[in-house]
Amino acid sequence: MRVRTASIAGLVAAAATASLLASPAHAHSAELATFRLGIQLADDGGASQFGQEQFTNNVKFGNSVSAWAGDANKFDPDAVRLNLETNPGDPLIGRDFRIGAQAMDKGSHLGPVQYTPWASAGGGQSDFVTDDNGWDPDEYRLFLDTRAWPSSASLVDFRISVTAVDKGVPGVPAFTPWAGQGGGRSPLALDTNGFDFDGFVLGLEVR
């Protein structure tokens, strides 16, 4: 069943427990480290059949995309988690970024790439990431876009989230730790019945 992506993104935003806060207007912070993003999928309600974790490049190298990630048999995963892997000692200075994802089914049925807003714009939610028929994709990949920081706003900290969605109903958002705390993996995100989600929504929370 097709569901309007704007409606799903609105439901996910309502389900999230943390607010998306705008950055204060002063010099760009040099305290955060550069990073790359990873994605991993599993089956059996998130209990087994973990696929290989796939990563983008480090943000300092410009735009990048991960390899396709699926569960162990690359068929209808039940759970997804993200990894915000920071590179301590390598400061994130003057770089803006946004996060995207794309879904694929049966090796060829691609959905559109859906992005969060830019960090400098306060972050936010992506539209619904799914395949071309909006039903049970097999694999996903992440996109990391970067550009020069466009204003005098300051990025104090950020984290990312993923919310599994099935039949238009979102599960509980799963957040990575904050970048300023060293980043790391999110918990596994499941839909409401822990079985064959139809896609997910990404979140970029900044402060």
C-alpha atoms as a PDB file:
ATOM      1  CA  MET A   1       0.000   0.000   0.000  1.00  0.00           C
ATOM      2  CA  ARG A   2       1.411   3.394  -0.939  1.00  0.00           C
ATOM      3  CA  VAL A   3       1.447   6.103   1.718  1.00  0.00           C
ATOM      4  CA  ARG A   4       2.318   9.747   1.149  1.00  0.00           C
ATOM      5  CA  THR A   5       5.888  10.379   2.280  1.00  0.00           C
ATOM      6  CA  ALA A   6       5.019  13.761   3.797  1.00  0.00           C
ATOM      7  CA  SER A   7       2.424  12.123   6.042  1.00  0.00           C
ATOM      8  CA  ILE A   8       4.902   9.472   7.207  1.00  0.00           C
ATOM      9  CA  ALA A   9       7.575  12.058   7.956  1.00  0.00           C
ATOM     10  CA  GLY A  10       5.036  13.970  10.031  1.00  0.00           C
ATOM     11  CA  LEU A  11       4.151  10.860  12.024  1.00  0.00           C
ATOM     12  CA  VAL A  12       7.817  10.129  12.673  1.00  0.00           C
ATOM     13  CA  ALA A  13       8.452  13.686  13.823  1.00  0.00           C
ATOM     14  CA  ALA A  14       5.558  13.361  16.260  1.00  0.00           C
ATOM     15  CA  ALA A  15       6.933  10.060  17.570  1.00  0.00           C
ATOM     16  CA  ALA A  16      10.430  11.418  18.289  1.00  0.00           C
ATOM     17  CA  THR A  17      11.108  12.360  21.911  1.00  0.00           C
ATOM     18  CA  ALA A  18      13.728  15.045  21.283  1.00  0.00           C
ATOM     19  CA  SER A  19      13.274  18.452  19.618  1.00  0.00           C
ATOM     20  CA  LEU A  20      15.269  19.694  16.640  1.00  0.00           C
ATOM     21  CA  LEU A  21      16.955  22.871  17.842  1.00  0.00           C
ATOM     22  CA  ALA A  22      18.468  25.668  15.743  1.00  0.00           C
ATOM     23  CA  SER A  23      22.157  26.477  16.217  1.00  0.00           C
ATOM     24  CA  PRO A  24      23.116  29.610  18.139  1.00  0.00           C
ATOM     25  CA  ALA A  25      24.560  32.453  16.042  1.00  0.00           C
ATOM     26  CA  HIS A  26      28.286  32.665  16.786  1.00  0.00           C
ATOM     27  CA  ALA A  27      31.537  31.298  15.365  1.00  0.00           C
ATOM     28  CA  HIS A  28      31.514  27.733  14.002  1.00  0.00           C
ATOM     29  CA  SER A  29      32.688  25.214  16.634  1.00  0.00           C
ATOM     30  CA  ALA A  30      35.988  23.345  16.154  1.00  0.00           C
ATOM     31  CA  GLU A  31      35.269  20.896  18.997  1.00  0.00           C
ATOM     32  CA  LEU A  32      33.479  18.196  17.007  1.00  0.00           C
ATOM     33  CA  ALA A  33      35.405  15.526  15.105  1.00  0.00           C
ATOM     34  CA  THR A  34      34.982  14.481  11.483  1.00  0.00           C
ATOM     35  CA  PHE A  35      32.903  11.362  10.961  1.00  0.00           C
ATOM     36  CA  ARG A  36      31.535   8.752   8.614  1.00  0.00           C
ATOM     37  CA  LEU A  37      28.141   7.012   8.685  1.00  0.00           C
ATOM     38  CA  GLY A  38      27.361   3.310   8.733  1.00  0.00           C
ATOM     39  CA  ILE A  39      24.230   1.219   8.279  1.00  0.00           C
ATOM     40  CA  GLN A  40      23.554  -2.392   9.288  1.00  0.00           C
ATOM     41  CA  LEU A  41      20.446  -4.560   8.880  1.00  0.00           C
ATOM     42  CA  ALA A  42      19.270  -7.738  10.592  1.00  0.00           C
ATOM     43  CA  ASP A  43      16.436 -10.272  10.420  1.00  0.00           C
ATOM     44  CA  ASP A  44      14.499 -12.396  12.928  1.00  0.00           C
ATOM     45  CA  GLY A  45      13.150  -9.321  14.708  1.00  0.00           C
ATOM     46  CA  GLY A  46      16.690  -8.009  15.091  1.00  0.00           C
ATOM     47  CA  ALA A  47      17.906 -11.152  16.889  1.00  0.00           C
ATOM     48  CA  SER A  48      20.058 -12.706  14.142  1.00  0.00           C
ATOM     49  CA  GLN A  49      21.116 -12.741  10.471  1.00  0.00           C
ATOM     50  CA  PHE A  50      23.087  -9.496  10.698  1.00  0.00           C
ATOM     51  CA  GLY A  51      24.399  -8.249   7.380  1.00  0.00           C
ATOM     52  CA  GLN A  52      27.717  -6.498   6.808  1.00  0.00           C
ATOM     53  CA  GLU A  53      27.873  -2.911   8.062  1.00  0.00           C
ATOM     54  CA  GLN A  54      28.453  -0.478   5.185  1.00  0.00           C
ATOM     55  CA  PHE A  55      29.954   3.017   5.491  1.00  0.00           C
ATOM     56  CA  THR A  56      30.136   6.319   3.645  1.00  0.00           C
ATOM     57  CA  ASN A  57      33.512   8.043   3.384  1.00  0.00           C
ATOM     58  CA  ASN A  58      34.634  10.522   6.026  1.00  0.00           C
ATOM     59  CA  VAL A  59      32.813  13.841   5.688  1.00  0.00           C
ATOM     60  CA  LYS A  60      36.089  15.703   5.027  1.00  0.00           C
ATOM     61  CA  PHE A  61      36.443  13.947   1.639  1.00  0.00           C
ATOM     62  CA  GLY A  62      33.239  15.428   0.179  1.00  0.00           C
ATOM     63  CA  ASN A  63      30.082  13.735  -1.043  1.00  0.00           C
ATOM     64  CA  SER A  64      29.987   9.947  -0.739  1.00  0.00           C
ATOM     65  CA  VAL A  65      27.680   6.949  -0.753  1.00  0.00           C
ATOM     66  CA  SER A  66      27.966   3.614   1.050  1.00  0.00           C
ATOM     67  CA  ALA A  67      27.752   0.207  -0.566  1.00  0.00           C
ATOM     68  CA  TRP A  68      24.360  -1.502  -0.433  1.00  0.00           C
ATOM     69  CA  ALA A  69      23.559  -3.047   2.960  1.00  0.00           C
ATOM     70  CA  GLY A  70      21.127  -5.880   3.632  1.00  0.00           C
ATOM     71  CA  ASP A  71      20.603  -8.578   6.223  1.00  0.00           C
ATOM     72  CA  ALA A  72      22.499 -11.876   5.918  1.00  0.00           C
ATOM     73  CA  ASN A  73      20.361 -13.159   3.026  1.00  0.00           C
ATOM     74  CA  LYS A  74      19.609  -9.720   1.557  1.00  0.00           C
ATOM     75  CA  PHE A  75      15.851 -10.317   1.757  1.00  0.00           C
ATOM     76  CA  ASP A  76      13.230  -8.342   3.713  1.00  0.00           C
ATOM     77  CA  PRO A  77      15.168  -7.209   6.806  1.00  0.00           C
ATOM     78  CA  ASP A  78      13.369  -6.682  10.101  1.00  0.00           C
ATOM     79  CA  ALA A  79      15.730  -4.259  11.862  1.00  0.00           C
ATOM     80  CA  VAL A  80      18.114  -1.411  11.034  1.00  0.00           C
ATOM     81  CA  ARG A  81      20.706   0.594  12.935  1.00  0.00           C
ATOM     82  CA  LEU A  82      23.028   3.482  12.131  1.00  0.00           C
ATOM     83  CA  ASN A  83      26.606   4.147  13.189  1.00  0.00           C
ATOM     84  CA  LEU A  84      27.968   7.668  13.710  1.00  0.00           C
ATOM     85  CA  GLU A  85      31.681   6.826  13.704  1.00  0.00           C
ATOM     86  CA  THR A  86      33.774   9.842  14.692  1.00  0.00           C
ATOM     87  CA  ASN A  87      37.489  10.372  14.080  1.00  0.00           C
ATOM     88  CA  PRO A  88      38.885  11.916  17.309  1.00  0.00           C
ATOM     89  CA  GLY A  89      41.685  14.415  16.815  1.00  0.00           C
ATOM     90  CA  ASP A  90      40.458  15.403  13.349  1.00  0.00           C
ATOM     91  CA  PRO A  91      38.248  18.471  13.927  1.00  0.00           C
ATOM     92  CA  LEU A  92      35.124  19.169  11.892  1.00  0.00           C
ATOM     93  CA  ILE A  93      35.743  22.785  10.872  1.00  0.00           C
ATOM     94  CA  GLY A  94      33.696  24.761   8.371  1.00  0.00           C
ATOM     95  CA  ARG A  95      31.815  21.792   6.903  1.00  0.00           C
ATOM     96  CA  ASP A  96      28.052  21.571   6.504  1.00  0.00           C
ATOM     97  CA  PHE A  97      26.379  18.213   5.852  1.00  0.00           C
ATOM     98  CA  ARG A  98      23.120  16.364   5.300  1.00  0.00           C
ATOM     99  CA  ILE A  99      22.287  12.651   5.355  1.00  0.00           C
ATOM    100  CA  GLY A 100      20.376  10.661   2.757  1.00  0.00           C
ATOM    101  CA  ALA A 101      19.356   7.097   2.001  1.00  0.00           C
ATOM    102  CA  GLN A 102      17.983   4.983  -0.844  1.00  0.00           C
ATOM    103  CA  ALA A 103      16.167   1.628  -0.879  1.00  0.00           C
ATOM    104  CA  MET A 104      16.298  -1.201  -3.427  1.00  0.00           C
ATOM    105  CA  ASP A 105      14.268  -4.380  -3.909  1.00  0.00           C
ATOM    106  CA  LYS A 106      15.173  -7.499  -5.889  1.00  0.00           C
ATOM    107  CA  GLY A 107      18.430  -5.961  -7.111  1.00  0.00           C
ATOM    108  CA  SER A 108      16.862  -3.345  -9.390  1.00  0.00           C
ATOM    109  CA  HIS A 109      13.702  -1.714  -8.015  1.00  0.00           C
ATOM    110  CA  LEU A 110      15.091   1.575  -6.723  1.00  0.00           C
ATOM    111  CA  GLY A 111      13.318   4.262  -4.757  1.00  0.00           C
ATOM    112  CA  PRO A 112      14.400   7.918  -4.753  1.00  0.00           C
ATOM    113  CA  VAL A 113      17.207   9.219  -2.552  1.00  0.00           C
ATOM    114  CA  GLN A 114      15.683  11.047   0.427  1.00  0.00           C
ATOM    115  CA  TYR A 115      17.683  13.599   2.439  1.00  0.00           C
ATOM    116  CA  THR A 116      17.452  15.335   5.780  1.00  0.00           C
ATOM    117  CA  PRO A 117      17.766  19.123   5.735  1.00  0.00           C
ATOM    118  CA  TRP A 118      21.301  20.500   6.077  1.00  0.00           C
ATOM    119  CA  ALA A 119      22.847  20.767   9.544  1.00  0.00           C
ATOM    120  CA  SER A 120      23.202  24.544   9.092  1.00  0.00           C
ATOM    121  CA  ALA A 121      19.421  24.731   8.495  1.00  0.00           C
ATOM    122  CA  GLY A 122      18.730  23.091  11.849  1.00  0.00           C
ATOM    123  CA  GLY A 123      18.539  19.475  10.667  1.00  0.00           C
ATOM    124  CA  GLY A 124      15.240  17.605  10.612  1.00  0.00           C
ATOM    125  CA  GLN A 125      13.599  14.535   9.095  1.00  0.00           C
ATOM    126  CA  SER A 126      13.989  12.992   5.649  1.00  0.00           C
ATOM    127  CA  ASP A 127      11.011  11.890   3.612  1.00  0.00           C
ATOM    128  CA  PHE A 128      10.155   8.175   3.633  1.00  0.00           C
ATOM    129  CA  VAL A 129      12.971   5.992   2.259  1.00  0.00           C
ATOM    130  CA  THR A 130      11.512   3.019   0.365  1.00  0.00           C
ATOM    131  CA  ASP A 131      11.669   1.214  -2.996  1.00  0.00           C
ATOM    132  CA  ASP A 132       9.621   1.915  -6.113  1.00  0.00           C
ATOM    133  CA  ASN A 133       6.454   0.219  -4.824  1.00  0.00           C
ATOM    134  CA  GLY A 134       6.750   1.211  -1.153  1.00  0.00           C
ATOM    135  CA  TRP A 135       6.792  -2.361   0.112  1.00  0.00           C
ATOM    136  CA  ASP A 136       9.495  -4.462   1.862  1.00  0.00           C
ATOM    137  CA  PRO A 137      12.790  -3.335   0.275  1.00  0.00           C
ATOM    138  CA  ASP A 138      15.725  -5.743   0.537  1.00  0.00           C
ATOM    139  CA  GLU A 139      18.701  -3.349   0.737  1.00  0.00           C
ATOM    140  CA  TYR A 140      19.592   0.226   1.646  1.00  0.00           C
ATOM    141  CA  ARG A 141      22.510   2.604   1.207  1.00  0.00           C
ATOM    142  CA  LEU A 142      23.479   5.885   2.860  1.00  0.00           C
ATOM    143  CA  PHE A 143      24.472   9.193   1.281  1.00  0.00           C
ATOM    144  CA  LEU A 144      26.561  11.875   2.976  1.00  0.00           C
ATOM    145  CA  ASP A 145      26.573  15.281   1.257  1.00  0.00           C
ATOM    146  CA  THR A 146      28.885  18.063   2.380  1.00  0.00           C
ATOM    147  CA  ARG A 147      29.538  21.707   1.526  1.00  0.00           C
ATOM    148  CA  ALA A 148      31.157  24.776   3.071  1.00  0.00           C
ATOM    149  CA  TRP A 149      29.389  26.042   6.191  1.00  0.00           C
ATOM    150  CA  PRO A 150      27.162  28.813   4.770  1.00  0.00           C
ATOM    151  CA  SER A 151      26.715  31.132   7.760  1.00  0.00           C
ATOM    152  CA  SER A 152      28.076  32.282  11.100  1.00  0.00           C
ATOM    153  CA  ALA A 153      25.885  29.771  12.979  1.00  0.00           C
ATOM    154  CA  SER A 154      27.570  27.292  15.307  1.00  0.00           C
ATOM    155  CA  LEU A 155      27.162  23.528  15.249  1.00  0.00           C
ATOM    156  CA  VAL A 156      27.390  22.631  18.938  1.00  0.00           C
ATOM    157  CA  ASP A 157      26.521  18.942  18.617  1.00  0.00           C
ATOM    158  CA  PHE A 158      24.496  16.479  16.553  1.00  0.00           C
ATOM    159  CA  ARG A 159      23.199  12.922  16.416  1.00  0.00           C
ATOM    160  CA  ILE A 160      21.300  10.898  13.827  1.00  0.00           C
ATOM    161  CA  SER A 161      18.257   8.659  14.045  1.00  0.00           C
ATOM    162  CA  VAL A 162      16.372   6.035  12.084  1.00  0.00           C
ATOM    163  CA  THR A 163      12.692   5.109  12.402  1.00  0.00           C
ATOM    164  CA  ALA A 164      11.376   1.921  10.780  1.00  0.00           C
ATOM    165  CA  VAL A 165       7.924   2.301   9.195  1.00  0.00           C
ATOM    166  CA  ASP A 166       5.432  -0.388   8.161  1.00  0.00           C
ATOM    167  CA  LYS A 167       2.076   0.253   6.467  1.00  0.00           C
ATOM    168  CA  GLY A 168       2.488   3.941   7.227  1.00  0.00           C
ATOM    169  CA  VAL A 169       2.942   3.397  10.974  1.00  0.00           C
ATOM    170  CA  PRO A 170       6.313   4.368  12.495  1.00  0.00           C
ATOM    171  CA  GLY A 171       8.125   2.439  15.187  1.00  0.00           C
ATOM    172  CA  VAL A 172      10.201   4.042  17.925  1.00  0.00           C
ATOM    173  CA  PRO A 173      13.050   6.271  16.653  1.00  0.00           C
ATOM    174  CA  ALA A 174      16.531   4.869  17.388  1.00  0.00           C
ATOM    175  CA  PHE A 175      19.214   7.517  18.052  1.00  0.00           C
ATOM    176  CA  THR A 176      22.995   7.312  17.878  1.00  0.00           C
ATOM    177  CA  PRO A 177      24.925   8.853  20.767  1.00  0.00           C
ATOM    178  CA  TRP A 178      25.780  12.533  20.298  1.00  0.00           C
ATOM    179  CA  ALA A 179      28.857  13.302  18.197  1.00  0.00           C
ATOM    180  CA  GLY A 180      30.289  15.336  21.079  1.00  0.00           C
ATOM    181  CA  GLN A 181      30.163  12.175  23.207  1.00  0.00           C
ATOM    182  CA  GLY A 182      32.124  10.224  20.607  1.00  0.00           C
ATOM    183  CA  GLY A 183      29.220   8.975  18.507  1.00  0.00           C
ATOM    184  CA  GLY A 184      28.581   5.252  18.082  1.00  0.00           C
ATOM    185  CA  ARG A 185      25.817   2.886  17.030  1.00  0.00           C
ATOM    186  CA  SER A 186      22.114   3.424  17.546  1.00  0.00           C
ATOM    187  CA  PRO A 187      19.943   0.663  18.994  1.00  0.00           C
ATOM    188  CA  LEU A 188      18.160  -1.482  16.447  1.00  0.00           C
ATOM    189  CA  ALA A 189      15.081   0.226  15.014  1.00  0.00           C
ATOM    190  CA  LEU A 190      12.012  -1.981  14.494  1.00  0.00           C
ATOM    191  CA  ASP A 191       8.519  -1.351  13.192  1.00  0.00           C
ATOM    192  CA  THR A 192       5.564  -1.991  15.500  1.00  0.00           C
ATOM    193  CA  ASN A 193       5.531  -5.763  14.913  1.00  0.00           C
ATOM    194  CA  GLY A 194       9.290  -6.256  14.350  1.00  0.00           C
ATOM    195  CA  PHE A 195       8.738  -7.814  10.916  1.00  0.00           C
ATOM    196  CA  ASP A 196       9.515  -6.714   7.341  1.00  0.00           C
ATOM    197  CA  PHE A 197       9.378  -2.927   7.574  1.00  0.00           C
ATOM    198  CA  ASP A 198       8.469  -1.020   4.398  1.00  0.00           C
ATOM    199  CA  GLY A 199      11.178   1.622   4.771  1.00  0.00           C
ATOM    200  CA  PHE A 200      12.496   4.158   7.221  1.00  0.00           C
ATOM    201  CA  VAL A 201      12.866   7.857   7.973  1.00  0.00           C
ATOM    202  CA  LEU A 202      16.234   9.419   8.811  1.00  0.00           C
ATOM    203  CA  GLY A 203      16.677  12.188  11.339  1.00  0.00           C
ATOM    204  CA  LEU A 204      19.474  14.706  11.864  1.00  0.00           C
ATOM    205  CA  GLU A 205      19.160  16.411  15.255  1.00  0.00           C
ATOM    206  CA  VAL A 206      21.425  19.400  15.855  1.00  0.00           C
ATOM    207  CA  ARG A 207      21.990  21.865  18.647  1.00  0.00           C
END
